[in-house]
Structures are given as C-alpha cells and as structure tokens.
Amino acid sequence: MQRFFLGTAAALVTVGSALAADLPAKAPPLKAAPLPVQVYNWTGCYVAGGGGYGMFNQDVTTFNGNVALGDGTIGGRGWFGTAGGGCDLQISSSWVFGAFGDYDFSDINGDFVLPGDGRTGREKQSSAWAAGGRLGYTLTPTILTYANAGYTQARFDAINLQDNLSIGAHTYSGWFVGAGYEYRLDWFPGLFWKTEYRYAQYGKDNLPILAGGVPTVNGSIDSEKFIQTIRSELVWRFNWGGRY
C-alpha cells in the first residue's frame, strides 16, 4: 500500500511539471511611453514695462566767446520708469536675434554748478528713448542672456541759475550698449522677468547761456553726457508656449 501511494505521488508530480512547462510564459508588465521633451522657441513679439535706477555724468566747459572760463564734471542720480516692446527670431538651437525700442520717463537729477562762474541750479533728465538690436544666447530653453546696442536720445529740462540766468532744455543724441538676462516665470503663461545694465554716451553739444530767456552775447557751455542705468522689467510674450 505504501508503494502504491508513493508511486501515485511521483506520477502526479511528473504530470504537473509537464503541464507547467506547456503553459505560456507570463508577459512582462507594460511600461508607460516616455513623455515627449518640450522644446521652447523664442521667436515672436513682446511688450515690457518696469523701472530702475540711473545716473548721469557730464563734462562741462564754460565759454565767453572762444575763451574757456573753466571746466568740470557734474552728475545726477535718480529713479525712472520704462515701457517698450520688440520682436525676436531664434536663428539656431541656442542663438536669438531681436530688435526693440523703449521709452523712459525719469527723475534723474543733480546739482549743476556753472564752471568758472559758480552760479548753481538744478539739472534733471526727464525722459529718454532708445531703439536697437540684441543678440542672445539661451543658457536653458527658458533663460536667455543677451547683449544689445543702438541709438538713443535723452531729454534734459532747463537749468535755472542764479541772477536770472538759465540754460535751455535740450535733447542729446548718442549711442548705447547693454547686457542682461531674461527668464520665464512659472506662475503665468508667457510672463518673463528681464534685468539689464545699459551704458549710453551722447555727443557734445554747445548750448547758449540765457539771460531772461534770451541768449547772451558770448556766454555758452559745452556739455557731453554719459548715462548708466540698471532696469528690471516684466515681459509678456504673445506666442510663448511649448512645441513638440
């Protein structure tokens, strides 16, 4: 009887092993397909607005006719607001070329001392505008560093001096260069933050000294201005979005 049970058990084990070998292998679990990599493109247009801090310095010479009475360096400091816009074209996977323009409304001011004379007044830069191009390089798909350059004009208000003398309001023309970076803010589609340093140099102009609003016979000044600004702006890009 014992041999019968042992034989039956051995037969069952053999049959079970054979049936198990005939069963199909279990398929491996399905893996989720990888998500496509999102690629961004900087081509498109934008508007921007913000503000910053600026400072101007100038080399001034006072003349009586053709005779120089004295010279000096005078400056001012202050805040400004800015608004502008532009368009960019991504010309490769990393390089971006663009054109832009902006306008600053400012209160950058300082004490003015007439060299060689000593009369004083207050000088103020009230506005400026600039137009130019920029060349950028993408550190990441959503961070752009850039350098820019172009043409600029700055408006300075009249300077009221002592003894009813003054120097009239004047617009100076020149060039600028700058550098900055722009990066995407995650909390609103198409919104970026831009920070930029800009240096502008304006051509030397000769301005008459006025007495009671009328040019004096021989009095004038030569003024050559240099302006530096640091600006931060919110930028909204019309077309910003992922492309697969």
Protein backbone atom coordinates (compact mmCIF):
# COMPACT_ATOMS: atom_id res chain seq x y z
CA MET A 1 0.00 0.00 0.00
CA GLN A 2 2.85 2.36 0.85
CA ARG A 3 4.45 1.70 -2.53
CA PHE A 4 1.13 2.48 -4.23
CA PHE A 5 0.85 5.91 -2.60
CA LEU A 6 4.49 6.78 -3.32
CA GLY A 7 4.08 5.79 -6.95
CA THR A 8 0.89 7.78 -7.34
CA ALA A 9 2.51 10.90 -5.80
CA ALA A 10 5.50 10.62 -8.11
CA ALA A 11 3.21 10.33 -11.13
CA LEU A 12 1.22 13.40 -10.10
CA VAL A 13 4.42 15.45 -9.67
CA THR A 14 5.63 14.39 -13.14
CA VAL A 15 2.31 15.27 -14.82
CA GLY A 16 2.17 18.65 -13.00
CA SER A 17 5.67 19.54 -14.12
CA ALA A 18 4.84 18.70 -17.73
CA LEU A 19 1.65 20.79 -17.69
CA ALA A 20 3.50 23.73 -16.15
CA ALA A 21 6.12 23.55 -18.87
CA ASP A 22 3.40 23.74 -21.54
CA LEU A 23 1.77 26.89 -20.08
CA PRO A 24 2.69 30.18 -21.91
CA ALA A 25 5.21 32.45 -20.13
CA LYS A 26 3.71 35.45 -18.32
CA ALA A 27 4.11 38.63 -20.32
CA PRO A 28 6.20 41.43 -18.70
CA PRO A 29 4.19 44.45 -17.43
CA LEU A 30 3.65 47.26 -19.92
CA LYS A 31 5.81 50.36 -19.44
CA ALA A 32 4.42 53.85 -19.94
CA ALA A 33 5.79 55.61 -23.01
CA PRO A 34 8.22 58.42 -22.11
CA LEU A 35 6.75 61.90 -22.25
CA PRO A 36 7.97 63.97 -25.20
CA VAL A 37 10.60 66.59 -24.38
CA GLN A 38 9.06 70.08 -24.54
CA VAL A 39 11.08 72.45 -26.72
CA TYR A 40 10.56 76.21 -26.50
CA ASN A 41 11.12 78.75 -29.26
CA TRP A 42 11.90 82.44 -28.61
CA THR A 43 10.62 83.61 -32.00
CA GLY A 44 7.84 86.17 -31.55
CA CYS A 45 7.00 89.61 -30.17
CA TYR A 46 6.56 91.05 -26.68
CA VAL A 47 5.72 94.09 -24.57
CA ALA A 48 7.55 95.08 -21.40
CA GLY A 49 7.32 97.53 -18.53
CA GLY A 50 9.19 98.24 -15.31
CA GLY A 51 11.68 100.66 -13.81
CA GLY A 52 15.14 101.15 -12.45
CA TYR A 53 17.84 103.46 -11.19
CA GLY A 54 20.01 105.73 -13.32
CA MET A 55 22.93 108.09 -13.03
CA PHE A 56 24.41 110.66 -15.40
CA ASN A 57 27.76 112.38 -15.51
CA GLN A 58 28.84 115.13 -17.87
CA ASP A 59 31.95 117.05 -18.83
CA VAL A 60 31.09 120.76 -18.95
CA THR A 61 33.16 123.73 -20.19
CA THR A 62 32.02 127.35 -19.87
CA PHE A 63 32.93 129.79 -22.67
CA ASN A 64 32.97 133.53 -23.12
CA GLY A 65 33.18 133.68 -26.87
CA ASN A 66 36.03 131.34 -27.76
CA VAL A 67 37.72 131.69 -24.38
CA ALA A 68 37.24 128.82 -21.93
CA LEU A 69 36.45 130.11 -18.46
CA GLY A 70 36.53 126.75 -16.69
CA ASP A 71 35.51 123.13 -16.89
CA GLY A 72 34.21 120.46 -14.55
CA THR A 73 32.42 117.14 -14.15
CA ILE A 74 28.82 117.26 -12.88
CA GLY A 75 26.28 114.48 -12.34
CA GLY A 76 22.92 113.36 -11.05
CA ARG A 77 21.09 110.30 -9.74
CA GLY A 78 17.51 109.07 -9.58
CA TRP A 79 14.73 106.64 -10.48
CA PHE A 80 12.90 106.07 -13.73
CA GLY A 81 10.05 104.04 -15.23
CA THR A 82 10.22 102.36 -18.61
CA ALA A 83 7.95 100.77 -21.22
CA GLY A 84 8.74 99.15 -24.54
CA GLY A 85 8.48 96.17 -26.83
CA GLY A 86 10.20 94.22 -29.55
CA CYS A 87 10.45 91.03 -31.56
CA ASP A 88 12.88 88.09 -31.50
CA LEU A 89 13.92 85.47 -34.02
CA GLN A 90 15.55 82.23 -32.88
CA ILE A 91 18.19 81.58 -35.55
CA SER A 92 19.54 78.29 -34.13
CA SER A 93 19.03 76.00 -31.17
CA SER A 94 20.92 78.46 -28.92
CA TRP A 95 21.09 81.87 -30.64
CA VAL A 96 18.38 84.55 -30.71
CA PHE A 97 18.43 87.83 -32.63
CA GLY A 98 15.98 90.66 -31.91
CA ALA A 99 15.04 94.31 -32.41
CA PHE A 100 13.43 96.52 -29.75
CA GLY A 101 12.57 100.02 -28.60
CA ASP A 102 11.76 101.57 -25.22
CA TYR A 103 10.90 104.88 -23.56
CA ASP A 104 11.97 106.04 -20.09
CA PHE A 105 10.19 108.70 -18.03
CA SER A 106 12.61 109.73 -15.34
CA ASP A 107 13.50 111.92 -12.39
CA ILE A 108 17.29 111.66 -12.58
CA ASN A 109 18.64 114.94 -11.23
CA GLY A 110 21.58 116.65 -9.59
CA ASP A 111 23.14 119.99 -8.69
CA PHE A 112 24.60 121.97 -11.59
CA VAL A 113 27.49 124.39 -10.99
CA LEU A 114 28.49 126.64 -13.90
CA PRO A 115 32.26 126.04 -14.24
CA GLY A 116 34.42 129.14 -13.96
CA ASP A 117 31.45 131.17 -12.71
CA GLY A 118 30.00 129.41 -9.67
CA ARG A 119 26.30 130.01 -10.29
CA THR A 120 24.22 126.96 -9.37
CA GLY A 121 20.97 125.35 -10.39
CA ARG A 122 19.19 122.02 -10.59
CA GLU A 123 19.52 119.77 -13.65
CA LYS A 124 17.07 116.98 -14.46
CA GLN A 125 16.84 114.26 -17.09
CA SER A 126 13.09 113.95 -17.68
CA SER A 127 12.93 111.31 -20.43
CA ALA A 128 14.89 109.14 -22.85
CA TRP A 129 14.21 106.68 -25.64
CA ALA A 130 16.27 104.00 -27.33
CA ALA A 131 15.99 101.67 -30.32
CA GLY A 132 18.37 98.92 -31.31
CA GLY A 133 19.10 95.24 -31.69
CA ARG A 134 20.17 92.45 -29.41
CA LEU A 135 21.94 89.11 -29.76
CA GLY A 136 21.07 86.45 -27.20
CA TYR A 137 22.23 83.01 -26.15
CA THR A 138 19.95 80.52 -24.37
CA LEU A 139 21.57 79.08 -21.24
CA THR A 140 18.49 76.83 -20.92
CA PRO A 141 15.35 76.71 -23.10
CA THR A 142 13.73 79.31 -20.79
CA ILE A 143 16.72 81.52 -19.80
CA LEU A 144 18.20 83.97 -22.30
CA THR A 145 21.35 86.06 -21.84
CA TYR A 146 21.96 88.87 -24.30
CA ALA A 147 23.93 91.96 -25.35
CA ASN A 148 22.38 94.92 -27.13
CA ALA A 149 23.32 98.20 -28.82
CA GLY A 150 21.65 101.03 -30.71
CA TYR A 151 20.67 104.70 -30.93
CA THR A 152 19.30 106.81 -28.10
CA GLN A 153 18.15 110.33 -27.19
CA ALA A 154 17.82 111.89 -23.73
CA ARG A 155 15.83 114.99 -22.81
CA PHE A 156 17.12 117.36 -20.11
CA ASP A 157 14.95 120.14 -18.69
CA ALA A 158 16.03 123.77 -18.48
CA ILE A 159 18.50 124.71 -15.74
CA ASN A 160 17.58 127.84 -13.81
CA LEU A 161 20.70 129.55 -12.48
CA GLN A 162 21.11 132.48 -10.13
CA ASP A 163 20.77 136.13 -11.26
CA ASN A 164 18.09 135.27 -13.85
CA LEU A 165 20.48 133.18 -15.95
CA SER A 166 19.49 129.79 -17.36
CA ILE A 167 20.37 127.08 -19.83
CA GLY A 168 17.51 125.93 -22.03
CA ALA A 169 16.03 122.45 -22.22
CA HIS A 170 17.85 120.25 -24.70
CA THR A 171 17.68 116.77 -26.29
CA TYR A 172 21.01 114.95 -26.59
CA SER A 173 21.64 112.20 -29.17
CA GLY A 174 24.03 109.27 -28.89
CA TRP A 175 24.53 105.51 -28.75
CA PHE A 176 24.20 102.80 -26.13
CA VAL A 177 25.40 99.30 -25.31
CA GLY A 178 24.00 96.93 -22.70
CA ALA A 179 23.77 93.38 -21.39
CA GLY A 180 21.23 91.41 -19.42
CA TYR A 181 19.22 88.26 -18.96
CA GLU A 182 15.60 87.21 -19.28
CA TYR A 183 13.92 84.19 -17.72
CA ARG A 184 10.48 82.61 -17.61
CA LEU A 185 8.20 82.95 -14.58
CA ASP A 186 6.29 79.75 -13.89
CA TRP A 187 3.11 81.26 -12.44
CA PHE A 188 1.69 82.85 -15.63
CA PRO A 189 1.96 81.67 -19.27
CA GLY A 190 4.21 83.86 -21.38
CA LEU A 191 5.43 86.03 -18.47
CA PHE A 192 9.16 86.73 -18.09
CA TRP A 193 11.42 88.87 -15.92
CA LYS A 194 14.24 90.87 -17.51
CA THR A 195 17.15 92.70 -15.85
CA GLU A 196 19.63 94.81 -17.84
CA TYR A 197 22.59 97.15 -17.42
CA ARG A 198 22.88 99.88 -20.07
CA TYR A 199 25.56 102.49 -20.82
CA ALA A 200 24.82 105.48 -23.10
CA GLN A 201 27.13 108.16 -24.41
CA TYR A 202 25.83 111.36 -26.01
CA GLY A 203 27.52 113.74 -28.41
CA LYS A 204 28.99 117.01 -27.17
CA ASP A 205 26.60 119.95 -27.72
CA ASN A 206 27.13 123.69 -27.33
CA LEU A 207 24.28 125.47 -25.50
CA PRO A 208 23.86 129.23 -25.05
CA ILE A 209 23.60 130.77 -21.60
CA LEU A 210 20.33 132.67 -21.41
CA ALA A 211 19.62 135.91 -19.56
CA GLY A 212 15.91 136.40 -19.03
CA GLY A 213 15.26 133.72 -21.63
CA VAL A 214 17.36 135.47 -24.28
CA PRO A 215 20.81 134.16 -25.38
CA THR A 216 23.68 136.20 -24.00
CA VAL A 217 26.16 137.68 -26.47
CA ASN A 218 29.09 135.39 -25.80
CA GLY A 219 28.20 133.00 -22.98
CA SER A 220 27.79 129.28 -23.70
CA ILE A 221 28.65 125.85 -22.40
CA ASP A 222 29.86 122.62 -23.99
CA SER A 223 28.21 119.56 -22.43
CA GLU A 224 28.96 115.89 -23.10
CA LYS A 225 26.81 113.43 -21.16
CA PHE A 226 27.21 109.78 -20.10
CA ILE A 227 24.30 107.83 -18.59
CA GLN A 228 24.24 104.44 -16.86
CA THR A 229 21.07 102.59 -15.88
CA ILE A 230 20.02 99.35 -14.21
CA ARG A 231 16.48 98.30 -15.22
CA SER A 232 14.16 95.41 -14.35
CA GLU A 233 11.00 94.71 -16.33
CA LEU A 234 8.13 92.28 -16.63
CA VAL A 235 7.91 90.92 -20.17
CA TRP A 236 4.85 89.33 -21.74
CA ARG A 237 5.43 87.25 -24.87
CA PHE A 238 2.46 86.92 -27.20
CA ASN A 239 3.31 83.48 -28.60
CA TRP A 240 5.13 81.77 -25.77
CA GLY A 241 4.36 78.07 -25.43
CA GLY A 242 5.74 74.59 -25.79
CA ARG A 243 6.26 72.96 -29.17
CA TYR A 244 6.57 69.18 -29.54
